[in-house]
């Protein structure tokens, strides 16, 4: 079950013209090509999302390491003052 590209009404698969607005529907070859392009875009978006997650994890690890170093330096200085 598909939808008209012009008016959005529900249509049976393989319908060439919309029974509501008369708009011509894309052929199977075009639909197949669009599905392939949509899958490629989805894969690229997924890869970018994974890369962003990795970058965020690396940033969080660096911040945690810097915080630990800061705490060690300050803790050591506080012990010397007492």
Protein backbone atom coordinates (compact mmCIF):
# COMPACT_ATOMS: atom_id res chain seq x y z
CA UNK A 1 0.00 0.00 0.00
CA UNK A 2 1.44 3.34 -1.02
CA UNK A 3 0.48 6.97 -1.07
CA UNK A 4 -0.04 9.47 -3.88
CA UNK A 5 3.01 11.70 -4.37
CA UNK A 6 0.71 14.63 -5.17
CA UNK A 7 -2.20 14.51 -2.72
CA UNK A 8 -1.07 11.89 -0.16
CA UNK A 9 -4.13 9.63 -0.49
CA UNK A 10 -3.68 5.92 0.09
CA UNK A 11 -3.21 3.89 -3.13
CA UNK A 12 -2.72 0.25 -4.02
CA UNK A 13 0.80 -0.75 -5.03
CA UNK A 14 1.44 -0.48 -8.76
CA UNK A 15 -1.17 2.24 -9.36
CA UNK A 16 -0.04 4.51 -12.19
CA UNK A 17 -2.51 7.36 -11.62
CA UNK A 18 -4.16 8.53 -8.40
CA UNK A 19 -7.91 7.88 -8.38
CA UNK A 20 -8.43 11.00 -6.22
CA UNK A 21 -6.38 13.72 -7.94
CA UNK A 22 -5.30 12.05 -11.19
CA UNK A 23 -1.61 12.62 -10.44
CA UNK A 24 0.82 10.30 -12.18
CA UNK A 25 2.73 8.07 -9.80
CA UNK A 26 6.41 7.17 -10.14
CA UNK A 27 7.26 3.90 -11.88
CA UNK A 28 8.80 0.88 -10.17
CA UNK A 29 12.29 1.65 -11.53
CA UNK A 30 12.25 5.13 -9.99
CA UNK A 31 10.92 3.78 -6.70
CA UNK A 32 13.65 1.11 -6.61
CA UNK A 33 16.34 3.74 -7.28
CA UNK A 34 14.91 6.02 -4.57
CA UNK A 35 14.87 3.14 -2.08
CA UNK A 36 18.55 2.44 -2.81
CA UNK A 37 19.44 6.13 -2.37
CA UNK A 38 17.45 6.31 0.87
CA UNK A 39 19.31 3.27 2.23
CA UNK A 40 22.66 4.84 1.29
CA UNK A 41 21.70 8.05 3.08
CA UNK A 42 20.59 6.06 6.13
CA UNK A 43 23.96 4.25 6.21
CA UNK A 44 25.87 7.54 5.96
CA UNK A 45 23.78 9.08 8.75
CA UNK A 46 24.41 6.00 10.91
CA UNK A 47 28.16 6.21 10.31
CA UNK A 48 28.17 9.92 11.17
CA UNK A 49 26.18 9.23 14.32
CA UNK A 50 28.64 6.52 15.35
CA UNK A 51 31.59 8.84 14.70
CA UNK A 52 29.98 11.57 16.79
CA UNK A 53 29.35 9.12 19.64
CA UNK A 54 32.99 8.03 19.52
CA UNK A 55 34.17 11.64 19.60
CA UNK A 56 31.94 12.37 22.58
CA UNK A 57 33.25 9.31 24.42
CA UNK A 58 36.86 10.36 23.73
CA UNK A 59 36.11 13.89 24.96
CA UNK A 60 34.49 12.55 28.14
CA UNK A 61 37.52 10.33 28.77
CA UNK A 62 39.90 13.28 28.33
CA UNK A 63 37.83 15.43 30.69
CA UNK A 64 37.76 12.65 33.30
CA UNK A 65 41.53 12.25 33.02
CA UNK A 66 42.07 16.00 33.42
CA UNK A 67 39.75 16.04 36.43
CA UNK A 68 41.69 13.18 38.03
CA UNK A 69 44.99 14.98 37.43
CA UNK A 70 43.57 18.17 38.89
CA UNK A 71 42.27 16.30 41.96
CA UNK A 72 45.63 14.58 42.49
CA UNK A 73 47.50 17.88 42.26
CA UNK A 74 45.15 19.68 44.62
CA UNK A 75 44.90 16.78 47.04
CA UNK A 76 48.68 16.57 47.22
CA UNK A 77 48.96 20.32 47.88
CA UNK A 78 46.32 20.17 50.60
CA UNK A 79 48.18 17.40 52.40
CA UNK A 80 51.36 19.45 52.41
CA UNK A 81 49.56 22.45 53.93
CA UNK A 82 48.21 20.44 56.89
